[in-house]
Amino acid sequence: MSRQQSQSGGGLIGLIGVLFLIGLIIKYIWWILAAIGLVLTFWIIAACVRHYQSVEAARQRRAAEIAARADQQHRWVLDGDHRGIYGEDGAELMRYLGRDDWVGVPRWSR
């Protein structure tokens, strides 16, 4: 005949362990909440710092683009190019208005 082994001893130990864990949570709830609060505070601060760094990097890139465009326009002014004063679209208009071959172009008379 076979022998039957009793396996009912684990339930009581598990119940005692769960009750012990619940007791620890109740006793140290404020310490647990304080630790969670600290972790969340540091996480939020780190996220804010990362956001600020990305915004600052974008601002510096924009400032560098503006400085490069200003340097280009300054070189155009020093070279006597109309693009330095009127911009690229305005320079095209100024070339049209400043031309000398107005012969044959209809004009309005007073």
PDB file of N, CA and C in Angstrom:
ATOM      1  N   MET A   1       0.815  -1.165   0.000  1.00  0.00           N
ATOM      2  CA  MET A   1       0.000   0.000   0.000  1.00  0.00           C
ATOM      3  C   MET A   1       0.872   1.246   0.000  1.00  0.00           C
ATOM      4  N   SER A   2       0.330   2.257  -0.490  1.00  0.00           N
ATOM      5  CA  SER A   2       1.081   3.512  -0.561  1.00  0.00           C
ATOM      6  C   SER A   2       0.804   4.377   0.653  1.00  0.00           C
ATOM      7  N   ARG A   3       1.801   5.130   1.001  1.00  0.00           N
ATOM      8  CA  ARG A   3       1.640   6.033   2.137  1.00  0.00           C
ATOM      9  C   ARG A   3       1.212   7.404   1.648  1.00  0.00           C
ATOM     10  N   GLN A   4       0.287   8.031   2.310  1.00  0.00           N
ATOM     11  CA  GLN A   4      -0.152   9.381   1.963  1.00  0.00           C
ATOM     12  C   GLN A   4       0.600  10.373   2.840  1.00  0.00           C
ATOM     13  N   GLN A   5       1.108  11.434   2.182  1.00  0.00           N
ATOM     14  CA  GLN A   5       1.837  12.448   2.927  1.00  0.00           C
ATOM     15  C   GLN A   5       0.951  13.668   3.113  1.00  0.00           C
ATOM     16  N   SER A   6       1.000  14.253   4.266  1.00  0.00           N
ATOM     17  CA  SER A   6       0.197  15.432   4.571  1.00  0.00           C
ATOM     18  C   SER A   6       0.908  16.674   4.040  1.00  0.00           C
ATOM     19  N   GLN A   7       0.160  17.526   3.328  1.00  0.00           N
ATOM     20  CA  GLN A   7       0.737  18.741   2.756  1.00  0.00           C
ATOM     21  C   GLN A   7      -0.025  19.970   3.234  1.00  0.00           C
ATOM     22  N   SER A   8      -0.599  19.925   4.402  1.00  0.00           N
ATOM     23  CA  SER A   8      -1.415  21.035   4.875  1.00  0.00           C
ATOM     24  C   SER A   8      -0.643  22.021   5.740  1.00  0.00           C
ATOM     25  N   GLY A   9       0.651  21.880   5.943  1.00  0.00           N
ATOM     26  CA  GLY A   9       1.426  22.773   6.814  1.00  0.00           C
ATOM     27  C   GLY A   9       1.777  24.101   6.179  1.00  0.00           C
ATOM     28  N   GLY A  10       1.746  24.215   4.846  1.00  0.00           N
ATOM     29  CA  GLY A  10       2.161  25.443   4.156  1.00  0.00           C
ATOM     30  C   GLY A  10       1.162  26.568   4.247  1.00  0.00           C
ATOM     31  N   GLY A  11      -0.107  26.269   4.413  1.00  0.00           N
ATOM     32  CA  GLY A  11      -1.129  27.310   4.455  1.00  0.00           C
ATOM     33  C   GLY A  11      -1.017  28.194   5.678  1.00  0.00           C
ATOM     34  N   LEU A  12      -0.718  27.595   6.805  1.00  0.00           N
ATOM     35  CA  LEU A  12      -0.605  28.360   8.044  1.00  0.00           C
ATOM     36  C   LEU A  12       0.617  29.276   8.012  1.00  0.00           C
ATOM     37  N   ILE A  13       1.718  28.804   7.483  1.00  0.00           N
ATOM     38  CA  ILE A  13       2.929  29.627   7.389  1.00  0.00           C
ATOM     39  C   ILE A  13       2.698  30.788   6.425  1.00  0.00           C
ATOM     40  N   GLY A  14       2.002  30.552   5.337  1.00  0.00           N
ATOM     41  CA  GLY A  14       1.687  31.622   4.383  1.00  0.00           C
ATOM     42  C   GLY A  14       0.797  32.677   5.000  1.00  0.00           C
ATOM     43  N   LEU A  15      -0.202  32.244   5.777  1.00  0.00           N
ATOM     44  CA  LEU A  15      -1.108  33.183   6.445  1.00  0.00           C
ATOM     45  C   LEU A  15      -0.349  34.033   7.457  1.00  0.00           C
ATOM     46  N   ILE A  16       0.527  33.420   8.215  1.00  0.00           N
ATOM     47  CA  ILE A  16       1.329  34.166   9.192  1.00  0.00           C
ATOM     48  C   ILE A  16       2.236  35.171   8.474  1.00  0.00           C
ATOM     49  N   GLY A  17       2.810  34.772   7.354  1.00  0.00           N
ATOM     50  CA  GLY A  17       3.669  35.684   6.581  1.00  0.00           C
ATOM     51  C   GLY A  17       2.902  36.882   6.046  1.00  0.00           C
ATOM     52  N   VAL A  18       1.697  36.650   5.525  1.00  0.00           N
ATOM     53  CA  VAL A  18       0.877  37.745   4.999  1.00  0.00           C
ATOM     54  C   VAL A  18       0.476  38.688   6.120  1.00  0.00           C
ATOM     55  N   LEU A  19       0.065  38.127   7.271  1.00  0.00           N
ATOM     56  CA  LEU A  19      -0.302  38.970   8.412  1.00  0.00           C
ATOM     57  C   LEU A  19       0.895  39.781   8.908  1.00  0.00           C
ATOM     58  N   PHE A  20       2.074  39.181   8.920  1.00  0.00           N
ATOM     59  CA  PHE A  20       3.286  39.896   9.328  1.00  0.00           C
ATOM     60  C   PHE A  20       3.586  41.043   8.363  1.00  0.00           C
ATOM     61  N   LEU A  21       3.435  40.802   7.065  1.00  0.00           N
ATOM     62  CA  LEU A  21       3.671  41.836   6.056  1.00  0.00           C
ATOM     63  C   LEU A  21       2.665  42.974   6.189  1.00  0.00           C
ATOM     64  N   ILE A  22       1.402  42.648   6.422  1.00  0.00           N
ATOM     65  CA  ILE A  22       0.374  43.677   6.615  1.00  0.00           C
ATOM     66  C   ILE A  22       0.683  44.494   7.869  1.00  0.00           C
ATOM     67  N   GLY A  23       1.137  43.834   8.914  1.00  0.00           N
ATOM     68  CA  GLY A  23       1.516  44.542  10.143  1.00  0.00           C
ATOM     69  C   GLY A  23       2.659  45.513   9.911  1.00  0.00           C
ATOM     70  N   LEU A  24       3.667  45.090   9.144  1.00  0.00           N
ATOM     71  CA  LEU A  24       4.786  45.988   8.822  1.00  0.00           C
ATOM     72  C   LEU A  24       4.318  47.191   8.011  1.00  0.00           C
ATOM     73  N   ILE A  25       3.439  46.951   7.056  1.00  0.00           N
ATOM     74  CA  ILE A  25       2.934  48.055   6.234  1.00  0.00           C
ATOM     75  C   ILE A  25       2.157  49.041   7.099  1.00  0.00           C
ATOM     76  N   ILE A  26       1.318  48.540   7.995  1.00  0.00           N
ATOM     77  CA  ILE A  26       0.537  49.428   8.861  1.00  0.00           C
ATOM     78  C   ILE A  26       1.457  50.218   9.797  1.00  0.00           C
ATOM     79  N   LYS A  27       2.462  49.564  10.352  1.00  0.00           N
ATOM     80  CA  LYS A  27       3.355  50.234  11.297  1.00  0.00           C
ATOM     81  C   LYS A  27       4.219  51.290  10.611  1.00  0.00           C
ATOM     82  N   TYR A  28       4.705  51.008   9.407  1.00  0.00           N
ATOM     83  CA  TYR A  28       5.643  51.906   8.731  1.00  0.00           C
ATOM     84  C   TYR A  28       5.025  52.603   7.518  1.00  0.00           C
ATOM     85  N   ILE A  29       3.706  52.816   7.507  1.00  0.00           N
ATOM     86  CA  ILE A  29       3.043  53.401   6.342  1.00  0.00           C
ATOM     87  C   ILE A  29       3.581  54.791   6.029  1.00  0.00           C
ATOM     88  N   TRP A  30       3.842  55.601   7.076  1.00  0.00           N
ATOM     89  CA  TRP A  30       4.322  56.963   6.817  1.00  0.00           C
ATOM     90  C   TRP A  30       5.736  56.953   6.247  1.00  0.00           C
ATOM     91  N   TRP A  31       6.565  56.031   6.676  1.00  0.00           N
ATOM     92  CA  TRP A  31       7.907  55.917   6.100  1.00  0.00           C
ATOM     93  C   TRP A  31       7.827  55.457   4.643  1.00  0.00           C
ATOM     94  N   ILE A  32       6.933  54.550   4.375  1.00  0.00           N
ATOM     95  CA  ILE A  32       6.754  54.052   3.004  1.00  0.00           C
ATOM     96  C   ILE A  32       6.261  55.173   2.098  1.00  0.00           C
ATOM     97  N   LEU A  33       5.259  55.927   2.583  1.00  0.00           N
ATOM     98  CA  LEU A  33       4.744  57.042   1.778  1.00  0.00           C
ATOM     99  C   LEU A  33       5.803  58.128   1.583  1.00  0.00           C
ATOM    100  N   ALA A  34       6.613  58.387   2.601  1.00  0.00           N
ATOM    101  CA  ALA A  34       7.684  59.379   2.469  1.00  0.00           C
ATOM    102  C   ALA A  34       8.710  58.932   1.428  1.00  0.00           C
ATOM    103  N   ALA A  35       9.056  57.659   1.431  1.00  0.00           N
ATOM    104  CA  ALA A  35      10.013  57.145   0.444  1.00  0.00           C
ATOM    105  C   ALA A  35       9.443  57.251  -0.967  1.00  0.00           C
ATOM    106  N   ILE A  36       8.168  56.913  -1.128  1.00  0.00           N
ATOM    107  CA  ILE A  36       7.525  57.036  -2.447  1.00  0.00           C
ATOM    108  C   ILE A  36       7.500  58.501  -2.880  1.00  0.00           C
ATOM    109  N   GLY A  37       7.202  59.397  -1.928  1.00  0.00           N
ATOM    110  CA  GLY A  37       7.196  60.826  -2.241  1.00  0.00           C
ATOM    111  C   GLY A  37       8.563  61.328  -2.673  1.00  0.00           C
ATOM    112  N   LEU A  38       9.617  60.878  -2.001  1.00  0.00           N
ATOM    113  CA  LEU A  38      10.970  61.283  -2.389  1.00  0.00           C
ATOM    114  C   LEU A  38      11.330  60.787  -3.785  1.00  0.00           C
ATOM    115  N   VAL A  39      11.005  59.550  -4.061  1.00  0.00           N
ATOM    116  CA  VAL A  39      11.299  58.997  -5.389  1.00  0.00           C
ATOM    117  C   VAL A  39      10.559  59.780  -6.467  1.00  0.00           C
ATOM    118  N   LEU A  40       9.274  60.069  -6.236  1.00  0.00           N
ATOM    119  CA  LEU A  40       8.501  60.840  -7.218  1.00  0.00           C
ATOM    120  C   LEU A  40       9.047  62.255  -7.374  1.00  0.00           C
ATOM    121  N   THR A  41       9.454  62.867  -6.264  1.00  0.00           N
ATOM    122  CA  THR A  41      10.016  64.219  -6.335  1.00  0.00           C
ATOM    123  C   THR A  41      11.283  64.234  -7.180  1.00  0.00           C
ATOM    124  N   PHE A  42      12.182  63.315  -6.938  1.00  0.00           N
ATOM    125  CA  PHE A  42      13.414  63.266  -7.724  1.00  0.00           C
ATOM    126  C   PHE A  42      13.132  62.950  -9.187  1.00  0.00           C
ATOM    127  N   TRP A  43      12.160  62.099  -9.449  1.00  0.00           N
ATOM    128  CA  TRP A  43      11.813  61.763 -10.836  1.00  0.00           C
ATOM    129  C   TRP A  43      11.256  62.988 -11.557  1.00  0.00           C
ATOM    130  N   ILE A  44      10.387  63.751 -10.882  1.00  0.00           N
ATOM    131  CA  ILE A  44       9.811  64.954 -11.501  1.00  0.00           C
ATOM    132  C   ILE A  44      10.889  66.007 -11.730  1.00  0.00           C
ATOM    133  N   ILE A  45      11.793  66.179 -10.776  1.00  0.00           N
ATOM    134  CA  ILE A  45      12.880  67.148 -10.945  1.00  0.00           C
ATOM    135  C   ILE A  45      13.762  66.749 -12.121  1.00  0.00           C
ATOM    136  N   ALA A  46      14.076  65.483 -12.252  1.00  0.00           N
ATOM    137  CA  ALA A  46      14.905  65.024 -13.375  1.00  0.00           C
ATOM    138  C   ALA A  46      14.204  65.264 -14.706  1.00  0.00           C
ATOM    139  N   ALA A  47      12.888  65.042 -14.752  1.00  0.00           N
ATOM    140  CA  ALA A  47      12.138  65.291 -15.991  1.00  0.00           C
ATOM    141  C   ALA A  47      12.142  66.777 -16.331  1.00  0.00           C
ATOM    142  N   CYS A  48      12.002  67.627 -15.332  1.00  0.00           N
ATOM    143  CA  CYS A  48      12.037  69.079 -15.572  1.00  0.00           C
ATOM    144  C   CYS A  48      13.408  69.520 -16.075  1.00  0.00           C
ATOM    145  N   VAL A  49      14.462  68.971 -15.514  1.00  0.00           N
ATOM    146  CA  VAL A  49      15.816  69.321 -15.954  1.00  0.00           C
ATOM    147  C   VAL A  49      16.037  68.875 -17.396  1.00  0.00           C
ATOM    148  N   ARG A  50      15.589  67.671 -17.745  1.00  0.00           N
ATOM    149  CA  ARG A  50      15.735  67.202 -19.129  1.00  0.00           C
ATOM    150  C   ARG A  50      14.965  68.095 -20.088  1.00  0.00           C
ATOM    151  N   HIS A  51      13.756  68.510 -19.707  1.00  0.00           N
ATOM    152  CA  HIS A  51      12.956  69.394 -20.560  1.00  0.00           C
ATOM    153  C   HIS A  51      13.649  70.745 -20.721  1.00  0.00           C
ATOM    154  N   TYR A  52      14.155  71.306 -19.630  1.00  0.00           N
ATOM    155  CA  TYR A  52      14.843  72.591 -19.704  1.00  0.00           C
ATOM    156  C   TYR A  52      16.069  72.492 -20.605  1.00  0.00           C
ATOM    157  N   GLN A  53      16.820  71.409 -20.506  1.00  0.00           N
ATOM    158  CA  GLN A  53      18.011  71.247 -21.339  1.00  0.00           C
ATOM    159  C   GLN A  53      17.645  71.155 -22.814  1.00  0.00           C
ATOM    160  N   SER A  54      16.557  70.469 -23.144  1.00  0.00           N
ATOM    161  CA  SER A  54      16.155  70.370 -24.549  1.00  0.00           C
ATOM    162  C   SER A  54      15.669  71.719 -25.068  1.00  0.00           C
ATOM    163  N   VAL A  55      14.938  72.476 -24.239  1.00  0.00           N
ATOM    164  CA  VAL A  55      14.484  73.809 -24.652  1.00  0.00           C
ATOM    165  C   VAL A  55      15.677  74.735 -24.845  1.00  0.00           C
ATOM    166  N   GLU A  56      16.639  74.671 -23.945  1.00  0.00           N
ATOM    167  CA  GLU A  56      17.829  75.517 -24.047  1.00  0.00           C
ATOM    168  C   GLU A  56      18.649  75.158 -25.287  1.00  0.00           C
ATOM    169  N   ALA A  57      18.762  73.880 -25.597  1.00  0.00           N
ATOM    170  CA  ALA A  57      19.492  73.468 -26.800  1.00  0.00           C
ATOM    171  C   ALA A  57      18.791  73.976 -28.055  1.00  0.00           C
ATOM    172  N   ALA A  58      17.462  73.920 -28.080  1.00  0.00           N
ATOM    173  CA  ALA A  58      16.711  74.436 -29.231  1.00  0.00           C
ATOM    174  C   ALA A  58      16.889  75.946 -29.358  1.00  0.00           C
ATOM    175  N   ARG A  59      16.904  76.658 -28.230  1.00  0.00           N
ATOM    176  CA  ARG A  59      17.104  78.104 -28.260  1.00  0.00           C
ATOM    177  C   ARG A  59      18.497  78.452 -28.782  1.00  0.00           C
ATOM    178  N   GLN A  60      19.494  77.695 -28.373  1.00  0.00           N
ATOM    179  CA  GLN A  60      20.853  77.950 -28.846  1.00  0.00           C
ATOM    180  C   GLN A  60      20.988  77.649 -30.335  1.00  0.00           C
ATOM    181  N   ARG A  61      20.319  76.582 -30.811  1.00  0.00           N
ATOM    182  CA  ARG A  61      20.352  76.293 -32.251  1.00  0.00           C
ATOM    183  C   ARG A  61      19.713  77.426 -33.037  1.00  0.00           C
ATOM    184  N   ARG A  62      18.581  77.932 -32.550  1.00  0.00           N
ATOM    185  CA  ARG A  62      17.880  79.034 -33.223  1.00  0.00           C
ATOM    186  C   ARG A  62      18.754  80.288 -33.241  1.00  0.00           C
ATOM    187  N   ALA A  63      19.417  80.587 -32.128  1.00  0.00           N
ATOM    188  CA  ALA A  63      20.299  81.756 -32.069  1.00  0.00           C
ATOM    189  C   ALA A  63      21.472  81.600 -33.036  1.00  0.00           C
ATOM    190  N   ALA A  64      21.998  80.388 -33.165  1.00  0.00           N
ATOM    191  CA  ALA A  64      23.101  80.154 -34.101  1.00  0.00           C
ATOM    192  C   ALA A  64      22.632  80.326 -35.546  1.00  0.00           C
ATOM    193  N   GLU A  65      21.406  79.876 -35.852  1.00  0.00           N
ATOM    194  CA  GLU A  65      20.866  80.063 -37.205  1.00  0.00           C
ATOM    195  C   GLU A  65      20.689  81.544 -37.521  1.00  0.00           C
ATOM    196  N   ILE A  66      20.179  82.315 -36.562  1.00  0.00           N
ATOM    197  CA  ILE A  66      19.987  83.750 -36.779  1.00  0.00           C
ATOM    198  C   ILE A  66      21.333  84.439 -36.961  1.00  0.00           C
ATOM    199  N   ALA A  67      22.328  84.066 -36.159  1.00  0.00           N
ATOM    200  CA  ALA A  67      23.655  84.668 -36.282  1.00  0.00           C
ATOM    201  C   ALA A  67      24.281  84.338 -37.634  1.00  0.00           C
ATOM    202  N   ALA A  68      24.104  83.116 -38.103  1.00  0.00           N
ATOM    203  CA  ALA A  68      24.656  82.739 -39.410  1.00  0.00           C
ATOM    204  C   ALA A  68      23.979  83.524 -40.529  1.00  0.00           C
ATOM    205  N   ARG A  69      22.650  83.700 -40.430  1.00  0.00           N
ATOM    206  CA  ARG A  69      21.934  84.473 -41.445  1.00  0.00           C
ATOM    207  C   ARG A  69      22.358  85.940 -41.404  1.00  0.00           C
ATOM    208  N   ALA A  70      22.567  86.489 -40.210  1.00  0.00           N
ATOM    209  CA  ALA A  70      23.009  87.880 -40.090  1.00  0.00           C
ATOM    210  C   ALA A  70      24.411  88.056 -40.666  1.00  0.00           C
ATOM    211  N   ASP A  71      25.289  87.100 -40.428  1.00  0.00           N
ATOM    212  CA  ASP A  71      26.635  87.176 -41.003  1.00  0.00           C
ATOM    213  C   ASP A  71      26.582  87.137 -42.526  1.00  0.00           C
ATOM    214  N   GLN A  72      25.729  86.283 -43.075  1.00  0.00           N
ATOM    215  CA  GLN A  72      25.589  86.204 -44.533  1.00  0.00           C
ATOM    216  C   GLN A  72      25.073  87.524 -45.092  1.00  0.00           C
ATOM    217  N   GLN A  73      24.057  88.097 -44.455  1.00  0.00           N
ATOM    218  CA  GLN A  73      23.517  89.370 -44.927  1.00  0.00           C
ATOM    219  C   GLN A  73      24.547  90.485 -44.794  1.00  0.00           C
ATOM    220  N   HIS A  74      25.351  90.455 -43.748  1.00  0.00           N
ATOM    221  CA  HIS A  74      26.400  91.462 -43.579  1.00  0.00           C
ATOM    222  C   HIS A  74      27.444  91.344 -44.690  1.00  0.00           C
ATOM    223  N   ARG A  75      27.814  90.125 -45.041  1.00  0.00           N
ATOM    224  CA  ARG A  75      28.761  89.939 -46.157  1.00  0.00           C
ATOM    225  C   ARG A  75      28.165  90.457 -47.456  1.00  0.00           C
ATOM    226  N   TRP A  76      26.856  90.234 -47.660  1.00  0.00           N
ATOM    227  CA  TRP A  76      26.209  90.741 -48.864  1.00  0.00           C
ATOM    228  C   TRP A  76      26.234  92.271 -48.895  1.00  0.00           C
ATOM    229  N   VAL A  77      25.982  92.905 -47.753  1.00  0.00           N
ATOM    230  CA  VAL A  77      26.015  94.376 -47.702  1.00  0.00           C
ATOM    231  C   VAL A  77      27.414  94.874 -48.022  1.00  0.00           C
ATOM    232  N   LEU A  78      28.428  94.242 -47.452  1.00  0.00           N
ATOM    233  CA  LEU A  78      29.805  94.672 -47.709  1.00  0.00           C
ATOM    234  C   LEU A  78      30.195  94.458 -49.164  1.00  0.00           C
ATOM    235  N   ASP A  79      29.607  93.470 -49.816  1.00  0.00           N
ATOM    236  CA  ASP A  79      29.889  93.212 -51.230  1.00  0.00           C
ATOM    237  C   ASP A  79      29.045  94.079 -52.146  1.00  0.00           C
ATOM    238  N   GLY A  80      28.103  94.857 -51.594  1.00  0.00           N
ATOM    239  CA  GLY A  80      27.249  95.711 -52.413  1.00  0.00           C
ATOM    240  C   GLY A  80      26.057  94.985 -53.003  1.00  0.00           C
ATOM    241  N   ASP A  81      25.753  93.834 -52.503  1.00  0.00           N
ATOM    242  CA  ASP A  81      24.629  93.046 -53.000  1.00  0.00           C
ATOM    243  C   ASP A  81      23.335  93.542 -52.355  1.00  0.00           C
ATOM    244  N   HIS A  82      22.265  93.691 -53.161  1.00  0.00           N
ATOM    245  CA  HIS A  82      20.984  94.168 -52.646  1.00  0.00           C
ATOM    246  C   HIS A  82      20.342  93.183 -51.671  1.00  0.00           C
ATOM    247  N   ARG A  83      20.724  91.916 -51.719  1.00  0.00           N
ATOM    248  CA  ARG A  83      20.129  90.935 -50.816  1.00  0.00           C
ATOM    249  C   ARG A  83      20.443  91.250 -49.355  1.00  0.00           C
ATOM    250  N   GLY A  84      21.552  91.930 -49.111  1.00  0.00           N
ATOM    251  CA  GLY A  84      21.917  92.279 -47.743  1.00  0.00           C
ATOM    252  C   GLY A  84      20.979  93.294 -47.127  1.00  0.00           C
ATOM    253  N   ILE A  85      20.358  94.142 -47.938  1.00  0.00           N
ATOM    254  CA  ILE A  85      19.454  95.172 -47.426  1.00  0.00           C
ATOM    255  C   ILE A  85      18.004  94.736 -47.552  1.00  0.00           C
ATOM    256  N   TYR A  86      17.624  94.244 -48.728  1.00  0.00           N
ATOM    257  CA  TYR A  86      16.217  93.974 -49.008  1.00  0.00           C
ATOM    258  C   TYR A  86      15.822  92.510 -48.833  1.00  0.00           C
ATOM    259  N   GLY A  87      16.760  91.643 -48.584  1.00  0.00           N
ATOM    260  CA  GLY A  87      16.454  90.215 -48.510  1.00  0.00           C
ATOM    261  C   GLY A  87      16.483  89.607 -49.904  1.00  0.00           C
ATOM    262  N   GLU A  88      16.324  88.304 -49.980  1.00  0.00           N
ATOM    263  CA  GLU A  88      16.453  87.640 -51.277  1.00  0.00           C
ATOM    264  C   GLU A  88      15.292  87.973 -52.202  1.00  0.00           C
ATOM    265  N   ASP A  89      14.066  88.041 -51.671  1.00  0.00           N
ATOM    266  CA  ASP A  89      12.914  88.373 -52.513  1.00  0.00           C
ATOM    267  C   ASP A  89      12.916  89.851 -52.884  1.00  0.00           C
ATOM    268  N   GLY A  90      13.264  90.706 -51.935  1.00  0.00           N
ATOM    269  CA  GLY A  90      13.292  92.143 -52.199  1.00  0.00           C
ATOM    270  C   GLY A  90      14.395  92.529 -53.167  1.00  0.00           C
ATOM    271  N   ALA A  91      15.487  91.808 -53.183  1.00  0.00           N
ATOM    272  CA  ALA A  91      16.589  92.114 -54.095  1.00  0.00           C
ATOM    273  C   ALA A  91      16.164  91.890 -55.541  1.00  0.00           C
ATOM    274  N   GLU A  92      15.355  90.880 -55.778  1.00  0.00           N
ATOM    275  CA  GLU A  92      14.847  90.619 -57.131  1.00  0.00           C
ATOM    276  C   GLU A  92      14.001  91.795 -57.595  1.00  0.00           C
ATOM    277  N   LEU A  93      13.136  92.314 -56.730  1.00  0.00           N
ATOM    278  CA  LEU A  93      12.307  93.469 -57.061  1.00  0.00           C
ATOM    279  C   LEU A  93      13.172  94.706 -57.288  1.00  0.00           C
ATOM    280  N   MET A  94      14.180  94.908 -56.469  1.00  0.00           N
ATOM    281  CA  MET A  94      15.046  96.084 -56.625  1.00  0.00           C
ATOM    282  C   MET A  94      15.855  95.993 -57.916  1.00  0.00           C
ATOM    283  N   ARG A  95      16.246  94.813 -58.340  1.00  0.00           N
ATOM    284  CA  ARG A  95      16.938  94.678 -59.626  1.00  0.00           C
ATOM    285  C   ARG A  95      15.997  95.067 -60.764  1.00  0.00           C
ATOM    286  N   TYR A  96      14.726  94.705 -60.616  1.00  0.00           N
ATOM    287  CA  TYR A  96      13.748  95.058 -61.639  1.00  0.00           C
ATOM    288  C   TYR A  96      13.518  96.567 -61.647  1.00  0.00           C
ATOM    289  N   LEU A  97      13.359  97.166 -60.474  1.00  0.00           N
ATOM    290  CA  LEU A  97      13.097  98.603 -60.400  1.00  0.00           C
ATOM    291  C   LEU A  97      14.325  99.435 -60.742  1.00  0.00           C
ATOM    292  N   GLY A  98      15.491  98.930 -60.468  1.00  0.00           N
ATOM    293  CA  GLY A  98      16.711  99.694 -60.693  1.00  0.00           C
ATOM    294  C   GLY A  98      17.311  99.516 -62.072  1.00  0.00           C
ATOM    295  N   ARG A  99      16.645  98.838 -62.956  1.00  0.00           N
ATOM    296  CA  ARG A  99      17.229  98.598 -64.276  1.00  0.00           C
ATOM    297  C   ARG A  99      17.202  99.871 -65.122  1.00  0.00           C
ATOM    298  N   ASP A 100      18.034  99.919 -66.149  1.00  0.00           N
ATOM    299  CA  ASP A 100      18.164 101.098 -67.006  1.00  0.00           C
ATOM    300  C   ASP A 100      17.458 100.935 -68.343  1.00  0.00           C
ATOM    301  N   ASP A 101      16.957  99.779 -68.667  1.00  0.00           N
ATOM    302  CA  ASP A 101      16.361  99.548 -69.990  1.00  0.00           C
ATOM    303  C   ASP A 101      14.843  99.677 -69.931  1.00  0.00           C
ATOM    304  N   TRP A 102      14.348 100.863 -69.630  1.00  0.00           N
ATOM    305  CA  TRP A 102      12.913 101.097 -69.541  1.00  0.00           C
ATOM    306  C   TRP A 102      12.322 101.474 -70.896  1.00  0.00           C
ATOM    307  N   VAL A 103      13.111 101.436 -71.943  1.00  0.00           N
ATOM    308  CA  VAL A 103      12.620 101.803 -73.267  1.00  0.00           C
ATOM    309  C   VAL A 103      11.599 100.764 -73.713  1.00  0.00           C
ATOM    310  N   GLY A 104      10.464 101.228 -74.161  1.00  0.00           N
ATOM    311  CA  GLY A 104       9.436 100.333 -74.649  1.00  0.00           C
ATOM    312  C   GLY A 104       8.483  99.848 -73.584  1.00  0.00           C
ATOM    313  N   VAL A 105       8.728 100.177 -72.362  1.00  0.00           N
ATOM    314  CA  VAL A 105       7.835  99.769 -71.283  1.00  0.00           C
ATOM    315  C   VAL A 105       6.774 100.851 -71.129  1.00  0.00           C
ATOM    316  N   PRO A 106       5.500 100.490 -71.186  1.00  0.00           N
ATOM    317  CA  PRO A 106       4.456 101.519 -71.084  1.00  0.00           C
ATOM    318  C   PRO A 106       4.475 102.197 -69.715  1.00  0.00           C
ATOM    319  N   ARG A 107       4.316 103.532 -69.745  1.00  0.00           N
ATOM    320  CA  ARG A 107       4.293 104.303 -68.502  1.00  0.00           C
ATOM    321  C   ARG A 107       3.019 105.107 -68.456  1.00  0.00           C
ATOM    322  N   TRP A 108       2.624 105.431 -67.252  1.00  0.00           N
ATOM    323  CA  TRP A 108       1.443 106.273 -67.098  1.00  0.00           C
ATOM    324  C   TRP A 108       1.889 107.725 -67.098  1.00  0.00           C
ATOM    325  N   SER A 109       1.221 108.526 -67.864  1.00  0.00           N
ATOM    326  CA  SER A 109       1.579 109.946 -67.907  1.00  0.00           C
ATOM    327  C   SER A 109       0.550 110.745 -67.129  1.00  0.00           C
ATOM    328  N   ARG A 110       0.969 111.895 -66.680  1.00  0.00           N
ATOM    329  CA  ARG A 110       0.056 112.736 -65.896  1.00  0.00           C
ATOM    330  C   ARG A 110      -0.624 113.720 -66.753  1.00  0.00           C
TER     331      ARG A 110
END
